[in-house]
N, C-alpha and C. Protein backbone atom coordinates (compact mmCIF):
# COMPACT_ATOMS: atom_id res chain seq x y z
N MET A 1 -6.50 -25.39 -12.47
CA MET A 1 -7.30 -24.57 -13.06
C MET A 1 -8.62 -25.09 -13.31
N SER A 2 -9.09 -26.10 -12.18
CA SER A 2 -10.47 -26.45 -12.40
C SER A 2 -11.55 -25.50 -12.51
N VAL A 3 -11.33 -24.27 -12.08
CA VAL A 3 -12.45 -23.20 -12.19
C VAL A 3 -12.51 -23.08 -13.64
N LEU A 4 -11.58 -22.86 -14.74
CA LEU A 4 -11.58 -22.85 -15.74
C LEU A 4 -12.26 -23.90 -16.71
N ARG A 5 -12.24 -24.99 -16.19
CA ARG A 5 -12.77 -26.27 -17.06
C ARG A 5 -14.35 -26.18 -16.72
N ASN A 6 -14.83 -25.30 -15.64
CA ASN A 6 -16.19 -25.25 -15.17
C ASN A 6 -17.08 -24.35 -16.10
N ILE A 7 -16.40 -23.59 -16.65
CA ILE A 7 -16.95 -22.21 -17.26
C ILE A 7 -17.20 -22.73 -18.68
N ALA A 8 -18.51 -22.21 -19.08
CA ALA A 8 -19.33 -22.83 -20.35
C ALA A 8 -18.46 -22.44 -21.64
N THR A 9 -18.30 -21.55 -21.79
CA THR A 9 -17.80 -20.77 -23.30
C THR A 9 -16.40 -20.24 -23.22
N ASP A 10 -15.79 -20.51 -24.48
CA ASP A 10 -14.38 -20.11 -24.63
C ASP A 10 -14.24 -18.57 -24.31
N ARG A 11 -15.04 -17.63 -24.47
CA ARG A 11 -15.01 -16.43 -24.04
C ARG A 11 -14.64 -16.22 -22.51
N ASP A 12 -15.92 -17.03 -21.78
CA ASP A 12 -15.91 -16.86 -20.46
C ASP A 12 -14.30 -17.43 -19.85
N ARG A 13 -13.93 -18.34 -20.30
CA ARG A 13 -12.51 -19.23 -20.11
C ARG A 13 -11.45 -18.16 -20.29
N GLY A 14 -11.84 -17.32 -21.51
CA GLY A 14 -10.47 -16.30 -21.77
C GLY A 14 -10.81 -15.07 -20.62
N PHE A 15 -11.91 -14.59 -20.27
CA PHE A 15 -11.83 -13.65 -19.07
C PHE A 15 -11.56 -14.13 -18.09
N ILE A 16 -11.90 -15.40 -17.48
CA ILE A 16 -11.17 -15.93 -16.02
C ILE A 16 -9.64 -16.02 -16.11
N ALA A 17 -9.15 -16.51 -17.21
CA ALA A 17 -7.79 -16.42 -17.11
C ALA A 17 -7.08 -15.32 -17.20
N GLU A 18 -7.60 -14.21 -17.84
CA GLU A 18 -7.13 -12.82 -17.64
C GLU A 18 -7.33 -12.44 -16.36
N TYR A 19 -8.57 -12.46 -15.59
CA TYR A 19 -8.66 -11.92 -14.14
C TYR A 19 -7.79 -12.62 -13.37
N LEU A 20 -7.39 -14.13 -13.48
CA LEU A 20 -6.63 -14.94 -12.55
C LEU A 20 -5.08 -14.33 -12.81
N ASP A 21 -4.95 -13.77 -14.15
CA ASP A 21 -3.53 -13.20 -14.39
C ASP A 21 -3.67 -11.84 -13.53
N SER A 22 -4.57 -11.12 -13.87
CA SER A 22 -4.47 -9.81 -13.05
C SER A 22 -4.30 -9.94 -11.81
N LEU A 23 -4.83 -10.74 -11.01
CA LEU A 23 -4.59 -10.84 -9.64
C LEU A 23 -3.50 -11.13 -9.23
N SER A 24 -2.82 -12.14 -9.98
CA SER A 24 -1.69 -12.49 -9.81
C SER A 24 -0.68 -11.33 -10.08
N LEU A 25 -0.89 -10.54 -10.60
CA LEU A 25 -0.05 -9.35 -11.22
C LEU A 25 -0.13 -8.49 -10.28
N VAL A 26 -1.25 -8.09 -9.66
CA VAL A 26 -1.34 -7.35 -8.58
C VAL A 26 -0.67 -7.39 -7.47
N GLU A 27 -0.67 -8.67 -6.95
CA GLU A 27 0.41 -9.34 -5.69
C GLU A 27 1.57 -9.12 -5.87
N ARG A 28 2.03 -9.86 -7.33
CA ARG A 28 3.68 -9.51 -7.65
C ARG A 28 4.14 -8.14 -7.64
N LEU A 29 3.01 -7.01 -8.26
CA LEU A 29 3.33 -5.83 -7.98
C LEU A 29 3.64 -5.25 -6.69
N HIS A 30 2.91 -5.51 -5.66
CA HIS A 30 2.84 -5.15 -4.32
C HIS A 30 4.44 -5.80 -3.61
N ARG A 31 4.52 -7.25 -3.93
CA ARG A 31 5.66 -7.40 -3.28
C ARG A 31 6.92 -6.76 -4.26
N LEU A 32 7.04 -6.43 -5.29
CA LEU A 32 8.06 -6.18 -5.98
C LEU A 32 8.24 -4.65 -5.35
N LEU A 33 7.09 -3.61 -5.33
CA LEU A 33 7.30 -2.57 -4.25
C LEU A 33 7.97 -2.54 -3.10
N LEU A 34 7.83 -3.54 -2.44
CA LEU A 34 8.43 -3.79 -1.10
C LEU A 34 9.78 -3.85 -1.52
N ASP A 35 10.18 -4.73 -2.47
CA ASP A 35 11.55 -5.26 -2.66
C ASP A 35 12.25 -3.99 -3.20
N VAL A 36 11.61 -3.23 -4.03
CA VAL A 36 11.95 -1.78 -4.34
C VAL A 36 12.49 -0.86 -3.23
N LEU A 37 11.63 -1.05 -2.22
CA LEU A 37 11.75 0.00 -0.82
C LEU A 37 12.79 -0.64 -0.40
N LYS A 38 12.96 -1.71 -0.13
CA LYS A 38 13.87 -2.55 0.87
C LYS A 38 15.26 -1.85 -0.05
N ASP A 39 15.53 -2.28 -1.09
CA ASP A 39 16.98 -1.95 -2.05
C ASP A 39 17.14 -0.40 -1.64
N GLU A 40 15.97 0.27 -1.75
CA GLU A 40 16.37 1.81 -1.38
C GLU A 40 16.95 2.18 -0.16
N PHE A 41 16.46 1.67 0.79
CA PHE A 41 16.53 1.77 2.37
C PHE A 41 18.10 1.15 2.35
N GLU A 42 18.39 0.17 1.80
CA GLU A 42 19.69 -0.47 2.05
C GLU A 42 20.71 0.30 1.28
N ARG A 43 20.63 1.06 0.38
CA ARG A 43 21.63 1.61 -0.55
C ARG A 43 21.84 2.80 -0.05
N VAL A 44 20.83 3.56 1.10
CA VAL A 44 21.19 4.65 1.84
C VAL A 44 21.61 4.40 3.23
N GLY A 45 21.24 3.28 3.56
CA GLY A 45 21.88 2.79 4.90
C GLY A 45 21.08 2.71 6.19
N VAL A 46 19.68 3.00 5.41
CA VAL A 46 18.64 2.51 6.79
C VAL A 46 18.08 1.19 6.53
N LEU A 47 18.61 0.32 7.69
CA LEU A 47 18.52 -1.01 8.04
C LEU A 47 17.54 -1.49 9.01
N GLU A 48 17.35 -0.30 9.68
CA GLU A 48 16.40 -0.94 10.68
C GLU A 48 14.87 -0.80 10.53
N ILE A 49 14.34 -0.53 9.52
CA ILE A 49 12.94 -0.36 9.24
C ILE A 49 12.94 -1.24 8.05
N ASN A 50 11.68 -1.84 8.06
CA ASN A 50 11.41 -2.97 7.03
C ASN A 50 10.53 -2.08 5.94
N PRO A 51 10.23 -2.58 4.83
CA PRO A 51 9.71 -2.02 3.71
C PRO A 51 8.11 -1.54 4.10
N VAL A 52 7.40 -2.56 4.83
CA VAL A 52 6.42 -2.18 5.11
C VAL A 52 6.04 -1.15 6.09
N GLN A 53 6.96 -1.05 6.83
CA GLN A 53 6.86 0.19 7.89
C GLN A 53 7.36 1.46 7.08
N ALA A 54 8.12 1.23 6.24
CA ALA A 54 8.83 2.55 5.54
C ALA A 54 7.52 3.30 4.76
N LEU A 55 6.58 2.13 3.92
CA LEU A 55 5.13 2.64 3.21
C LEU A 55 4.51 3.05 4.15
N LEU A 56 4.40 2.26 5.51
CA LEU A 56 3.23 2.92 6.43
C LEU A 56 3.66 4.43 6.68
N LEU A 57 5.11 4.93 6.87
CA LEU A 57 5.48 6.20 7.41
C LEU A 57 5.24 6.96 6.09
N PHE A 58 5.50 6.59 4.88
CA PHE A 58 4.89 7.44 4.08
C PHE A 58 3.66 7.88 3.89
N ASN A 59 2.67 6.92 4.15
CA ASN A 59 1.21 7.16 3.81
C ASN A 59 0.78 7.68 4.91
N VAL A 60 1.19 7.79 6.27
CA VAL A 60 0.72 8.66 7.37
C VAL A 60 1.13 10.15 7.07
N GLY A 61 2.34 10.03 6.75
CA GLY A 61 2.84 11.67 6.29
C GLY A 61 2.33 12.57 7.26
N ASP A 62 1.88 13.54 7.26
CA ASP A 62 1.46 14.71 8.15
C ASP A 62 0.46 14.42 9.06
N ASN A 63 -0.48 13.52 8.88
CA ASN A 63 -1.73 13.07 9.63
C ASN A 63 -1.40 12.51 10.74
N GLU A 64 -2.40 12.72 11.68
CA GLU A 64 -2.33 11.99 13.22
C GLU A 64 -3.43 11.25 12.91
N VAL A 65 -3.24 9.72 13.45
CA VAL A 65 -4.18 8.50 13.18
C VAL A 65 -4.04 7.78 14.23
N THR A 66 -5.27 6.91 14.44
CA THR A 66 -5.16 6.10 15.16
C THR A 66 -4.93 4.53 14.57
N ALA A 67 -4.73 3.56 15.20
CA ALA A 67 -4.44 2.21 14.51
C ALA A 67 -5.44 1.93 13.65
N GLY A 68 -6.55 2.12 13.99
CA GLY A 68 -7.82 1.87 13.23
C GLY A 68 -8.11 2.62 11.94
N GLU A 69 -7.87 3.94 12.15
CA GLU A 69 -7.96 4.81 10.75
C GLU A 69 -6.62 4.24 10.12
N LEU A 70 -5.74 3.81 10.27
CA LEU A 70 -4.33 3.59 9.51
C LEU A 70 -5.22 2.50 8.26
N LYS A 71 -5.83 1.50 8.57
CA LYS A 71 -6.70 0.58 7.91
C LYS A 71 -7.68 0.99 7.02
N SER A 72 -8.66 1.89 7.86
CA SER A 72 -9.75 2.46 7.24
C SER A 72 -9.41 3.27 6.18
N ARG A 73 -8.70 3.93 6.30
CA ARG A 73 -8.00 5.12 5.70
C ARG A 73 -7.26 4.59 4.31
N GLY A 74 -6.74 3.24 4.28
CA GLY A 74 -6.26 2.50 3.37
C GLY A 74 -4.38 2.64 3.24
N TYR A 75 -4.41 3.49 4.45
CA TYR A 75 -2.70 3.72 4.91
C TYR A 75 -2.03 2.24 5.11
N TYR A 76 -2.75 1.22 5.77
CA TYR A 76 -2.01 0.05 5.91
C TYR A 76 -3.01 -1.03 5.60
N GLN A 77 -2.03 -2.07 4.85
CA GLN A 77 -2.90 -3.51 4.52
C GLN A 77 -2.78 -4.50 5.36
N GLY A 78 -1.64 -4.58 6.21
CA GLY A 78 -1.14 -6.02 6.89
C GLY A 78 -2.07 -5.92 8.14
N SER A 79 -1.93 -7.09 8.73
CA SER A 79 -3.09 -7.66 9.99
C SER A 79 -2.20 -7.42 11.35
N ASN A 80 -0.94 -6.88 11.19
CA ASN A 80 -0.14 -6.73 12.32
C ASN A 80 0.02 -5.55 12.48
N VAL A 81 -0.56 -4.50 12.61
CA VAL A 81 -0.56 -3.05 12.43
C VAL A 81 0.24 -2.51 13.55
N SER A 82 -0.35 -2.84 14.79
CA SER A 82 0.12 -2.62 15.98
C SER A 82 1.14 -3.02 16.51
N TYR A 83 2.05 -4.29 16.13
CA TYR A 83 3.31 -4.47 16.10
C TYR A 83 4.35 -3.47 15.41
N ASN A 84 3.91 -3.20 14.01
CA ASN A 84 4.51 -2.27 13.42
C ASN A 84 4.49 -0.52 14.19
N LEU A 85 3.45 -0.38 14.59
CA LEU A 85 3.19 0.93 15.27
C LEU A 85 4.21 0.81 16.55
N LYS A 86 4.16 -0.23 17.44
CA LYS A 86 4.89 -0.41 18.53
C LYS A 86 6.33 -0.18 18.02
N LYS A 87 7.01 -0.91 17.06
CA LYS A 87 8.39 -0.97 16.70
C LYS A 87 8.57 0.50 16.07
N LEU A 88 7.73 1.13 15.60
CA LEU A 88 8.11 2.49 14.80
C LEU A 88 8.18 3.49 16.05
N VAL A 89 7.41 3.60 17.35
CA VAL A 89 7.59 4.13 18.20
C VAL A 89 8.73 3.62 18.86
N GLU A 90 9.13 2.61 19.15
CA GLU A 90 10.29 2.18 20.03
C GLU A 90 11.41 2.68 19.17
N MET A 91 11.50 2.64 17.97
CA MET A 91 12.71 3.29 17.16
C MET A 91 12.83 4.88 16.94
N GLY A 92 11.81 5.38 17.39
CA GLY A 92 11.65 6.83 17.36
C GLY A 92 11.22 7.55 15.98
N TYR A 93 10.59 6.62 15.12
CA TYR A 93 9.80 7.00 13.78
C TYR A 93 8.34 7.56 13.96
N MET A 94 7.68 6.94 15.22
CA MET A 94 6.77 7.83 15.45
C MET A 94 6.57 8.01 16.90
N HIS A 95 5.27 9.39 17.20
CA HIS A 95 5.02 9.48 18.42
C HIS A 95 3.76 9.18 18.78
N HIS A 96 3.52 8.35 20.09
CA HIS A 96 2.13 8.08 20.33
C HIS A 96 1.66 8.97 21.44
N GLN A 97 0.20 9.00 21.71
CA GLN A 97 -0.29 9.79 22.59
C GLN A 97 -2.01 9.16 22.93
N ARG A 98 -2.08 9.12 24.16
CA ARG A 98 -3.60 8.52 24.20
C ARG A 98 -4.65 9.85 24.00
N CYS A 99 -5.75 9.53 23.16
CA CYS A 99 -6.64 10.10 22.95
C CYS A 99 -7.47 11.12 23.99
N GLU A 100 -7.76 12.15 23.90
CA GLU A 100 -8.22 12.93 25.18
C GLU A 100 -9.77 12.20 25.48
N ILE A 101 -10.57 12.14 24.28
CA ILE A 101 -11.86 11.85 24.06
C ILE A 101 -12.12 10.63 24.73
N ASP A 102 -11.16 9.34 23.90
CA ASP A 102 -11.32 8.02 24.35
C ASP A 102 -9.98 7.55 24.65
N ARG A 103 -9.74 7.55 25.91
CA ARG A 103 -8.46 6.94 26.23
C ARG A 103 -7.80 5.51 26.15
N ARG A 104 -8.85 5.07 25.53
CA ARG A 104 -8.14 3.35 24.67
C ARG A 104 -7.67 3.68 23.45
N ALA A 105 -8.10 4.76 23.15
CA ALA A 105 -7.50 5.12 21.65
C ALA A 105 -6.09 5.55 21.74
N VAL A 106 -4.90 5.39 21.15
CA VAL A 106 -3.72 5.81 20.88
C VAL A 106 -3.69 6.71 19.47
N ARG A 107 -3.32 7.71 19.40
CA ARG A 107 -3.12 8.38 18.22
C ARG A 107 -1.78 8.48 17.82
N VAL A 108 -0.81 8.23 16.58
CA VAL A 108 0.33 8.38 16.44
C VAL A 108 0.52 9.41 15.19
N LYS A 109 1.74 10.10 15.09
CA LYS A 109 2.15 11.15 14.22
C LYS A 109 3.59 10.91 13.90
N LEU A 110 4.15 11.06 12.86
CA LEU A 110 5.60 11.12 12.72
C LEU A 110 6.43 12.20 13.54
N THR A 111 7.47 11.54 13.91
CA THR A 111 8.92 12.49 14.48
C THR A 111 9.68 13.14 13.38
N ALA A 112 10.53 13.97 13.61
CA ALA A 112 11.62 14.26 12.65
C ALA A 112 12.15 13.33 11.66
N LYS A 113 12.32 12.09 12.25
CA LYS A 113 13.03 10.78 12.06
C LYS A 113 11.98 10.08 11.02
N GLY A 114 10.81 10.00 11.43
CA GLY A 114 9.75 9.44 10.63
C GLY A 114 9.42 10.05 9.37
N ARG A 115 9.46 11.64 9.43
CA ARG A 115 9.23 12.35 8.46
C ARG A 115 10.30 12.46 7.11
N ALA A 116 11.77 12.37 7.61
CA ALA A 116 13.03 12.01 7.12
C ALA A 116 12.22 10.51 6.35
N VAL A 117 12.02 9.81 6.59
CA VAL A 117 11.64 8.51 5.71
C VAL A 117 10.57 8.60 5.03
N HIS A 118 9.73 9.22 5.50
CA HIS A 118 8.47 9.86 4.54
C HIS A 118 8.80 10.47 3.24
N GLU A 119 9.86 11.46 3.35
CA GLU A 119 10.41 12.42 2.26
C GLU A 119 11.38 11.43 1.45
N ALA A 120 11.81 10.49 2.26
CA ALA A 120 13.00 9.50 1.20
C ALA A 120 11.93 8.73 0.29
N VAL A 121 11.02 8.08 0.59
CA VAL A 121 10.00 7.30 -0.01
C VAL A 121 9.35 8.45 -0.97
N ALA A 122 9.09 9.31 -0.73
CA ALA A 122 8.34 10.52 -1.70
C ALA A 122 9.43 10.87 -2.71
N GLU A 123 10.62 10.98 -2.43
CA GLU A 123 11.65 11.26 -3.42
C GLU A 123 11.48 10.14 -4.45
N LEU A 124 11.77 8.88 -4.03
CA LEU A 124 11.91 7.61 -4.41
C LEU A 124 10.43 7.52 -5.56
N PHE A 125 9.71 7.80 -5.06
CA PHE A 125 8.44 7.82 -5.93
C PHE A 125 8.01 8.99 -7.05
N ARG A 126 8.96 10.20 -6.82
CA ARG A 126 8.91 10.93 -7.76
C ARG A 126 9.88 10.63 -8.90
N ARG A 127 11.05 10.19 -8.39
CA ARG A 127 11.98 9.42 -9.39
C ARG A 127 11.13 8.42 -10.43
N HIS A 128 10.49 7.49 -10.01
CA HIS A 128 9.84 6.78 -10.28
C HIS A 128 8.77 7.21 -11.55
N ALA A 129 8.05 7.91 -11.21
CA ALA A 129 6.86 8.76 -11.90
C ALA A 129 7.77 9.70 -13.43
N ASP A 130 8.65 10.13 -12.63
CA ASP A 130 9.64 10.70 -13.50
C ASP A 130 9.95 9.93 -14.77
N GLY A 131 10.47 8.80 -14.33
CA GLY A 131 10.93 7.52 -15.12
C GLY A 131 10.09 7.08 -16.06
N LEU A 132 9.23 6.93 -15.37
CA LEU A 132 7.71 6.17 -16.25
C LEU A 132 7.26 6.97 -17.37
N GLN A 133 7.28 8.58 -16.97
CA GLN A 133 7.01 9.26 -17.90
C GLN A 133 7.99 9.59 -19.28
N THR A 134 9.17 9.74 -18.77
CA THR A 134 10.45 10.19 -19.69
C THR A 134 10.92 8.63 -20.60
N ARG A 135 10.64 7.73 -20.19
CA ARG A 135 10.91 6.34 -20.81
C ARG A 135 9.44 6.04 -21.61
N GLY A 136 8.63 6.82 -21.67
CA GLY A 136 7.17 6.48 -22.77
C GLY A 136 6.74 5.32 -21.88
N VAL A 137 6.94 4.74 -20.62
CA VAL A 137 5.82 3.55 -20.07
C VAL A 137 4.73 4.12 -19.82
N LEU A 138 4.52 5.19 -19.19
CA LEU A 138 3.11 5.38 -19.04
C LEU A 138 3.11 7.45 -19.34
N ASP A 139 1.90 7.45 -19.91
CA ASP A 139 1.55 8.99 -19.69
C ASP A 139 0.15 9.28 -18.73
N HIS A 140 -0.03 10.41 -18.52
CA HIS A 140 -0.72 11.03 -17.81
C HIS A 140 -2.42 10.05 -17.81
N ASP A 141 -2.63 10.33 -19.30
CA ASP A 141 -4.12 9.80 -19.46
C ASP A 141 -4.21 8.35 -19.34
N ARG A 142 -3.18 7.63 -19.47
CA ARG A 142 -2.94 5.95 -19.17
C ARG A 142 -2.98 5.60 -17.77
N ILE A 143 -2.39 6.34 -17.06
CA ILE A 143 -2.13 6.26 -15.54
C ILE A 143 -3.80 6.31 -14.79
N ARG A 144 -4.15 7.34 -15.30
CA ARG A 144 -5.42 7.82 -14.77
C ARG A 144 -6.47 6.66 -15.38
N GLU A 145 -6.50 6.11 -16.40
CA GLU A 145 -7.35 5.06 -16.96
C GLU A 145 -6.99 4.02 -15.99
N ILE A 146 -5.85 3.57 -15.72
CA ILE A 146 -5.40 2.51 -15.07
C ILE A 146 -5.93 2.42 -13.68
N ASN A 147 -6.03 3.68 -12.88
CA ASN A 147 -6.41 3.90 -11.40
C ASN A 147 -7.97 3.89 -11.57
N GLY A 148 -8.39 4.25 -12.40
CA GLY A 148 -9.87 4.27 -12.74
C GLY A 148 -10.45 2.54 -12.90
N THR A 149 -9.77 1.79 -13.53
CA THR A 149 -10.25 0.44 -13.56
C THR A 149 -9.57 -0.26 -12.29
N LEU A 150 -8.66 0.04 -11.66
CA LEU A 150 -8.35 -0.72 -10.27
C LEU A 150 -9.16 -0.09 -9.14
N LYS A 151 -9.73 1.04 -9.39
CA LYS A 151 -10.68 1.61 -8.17
C LYS A 151 -12.10 0.87 -8.32
N ARG A 152 -12.57 0.62 -9.70
CA ARG A 152 -13.60 0.03 -9.83
C ARG A 152 -13.85 -1.47 -9.53
N VAL A 153 -12.48 -2.01 -9.43
CA VAL A 153 -12.34 -3.63 -9.09
C VAL A 153 -12.57 -3.51 -7.30
N GLU A 154 -11.67 -2.37 -6.84
CA GLU A 154 -11.77 -2.14 -5.75
C GLU A 154 -13.12 -1.85 -4.83
N ARG A 155 -13.84 -1.47 -5.56
CA ARG A 155 -15.28 -1.28 -5.32
C ARG A 155 -16.15 -2.59 -5.59
N TYR A 156 -15.89 -2.68 -6.45
CA TYR A 156 -16.52 -4.61 -6.58
C TYR A 156 -16.12 -5.34 -5.59
N TRP A 157 -14.84 -5.46 -5.26
CA TRP A 157 -14.58 -6.77 -3.79
C TRP A 157 -14.89 -5.91 -2.51
N ALA A 158 -14.89 -4.86 -2.72
CA ALA A 158 -15.92 -4.26 -1.37
C ALA A 158 -17.32 -4.50 -1.21
N ASP A 159 -17.67 -4.44 -2.19
CA ASP A 159 -19.18 -4.94 -2.18
C ASP A 159 -19.37 -6.49 -1.95
N GLN A 160 -18.59 -7.11 -2.63
CA GLN A 160 -18.65 -8.49 -2.08
C GLN A 160 -18.32 -8.99 -0.69
N ILE A 161 -17.51 -8.24 0.08
CA ILE A 161 -17.48 -8.28 1.35
C ILE A 161 -18.73 -7.92 2.13
N ARG A 162 -19.26 -6.66 1.79
CA ARG A 162 -20.13 -6.38 2.28
C ARG A 162 -21.80 -6.76 2.16
N TYR A 163 -22.00 -7.52 1.00
CA TYR A 163 -23.02 -7.85 0.40
C TYR A 163 -22.86 -9.24 -0.24
N ILE A 164 -22.73 -10.31 0.30
CA ILE A 164 -22.74 -11.69 -0.18
C ILE A 164 -23.65 -12.14 -0.76
N TYR A 165 -23.58 -12.58 -2.11
CA TYR A 165 -24.79 -12.65 -2.70
C TYR A 165 -25.29 -14.22 -2.68
């Protein structure tokens, strides 16, 4: 926590501590989401795909995209997108086809098997949304506020990448 010692005021120290806690929480939430997906697919007996691949299939949905678009649209956050696409094609969860305009680019879309995974994840998320509301964990206004806050942080971080000061 040497960063904290270099901050001048107690207020600043408090903010940086909360910010670091938020960063840790975002990371833990993402890992926990992957664990939730893993448990769900183990429960229903789908063992050949991993949680990252299941989330990728969910995010692609009815779209037809290139590997580059997966990252730019926010469908995939990892560095090994080509590996996961190749595995999903090999296992029959996705179709791939060379782009007519740019023969170097490959477009992918879900097969019926991939759509079944998409629907399973969508149903899991519907159950979670219902549980969060019915148990009073979150309501519509609060989730909208959280999303707004996270989008502002996302824009700030994106600006830091583009405009190093």
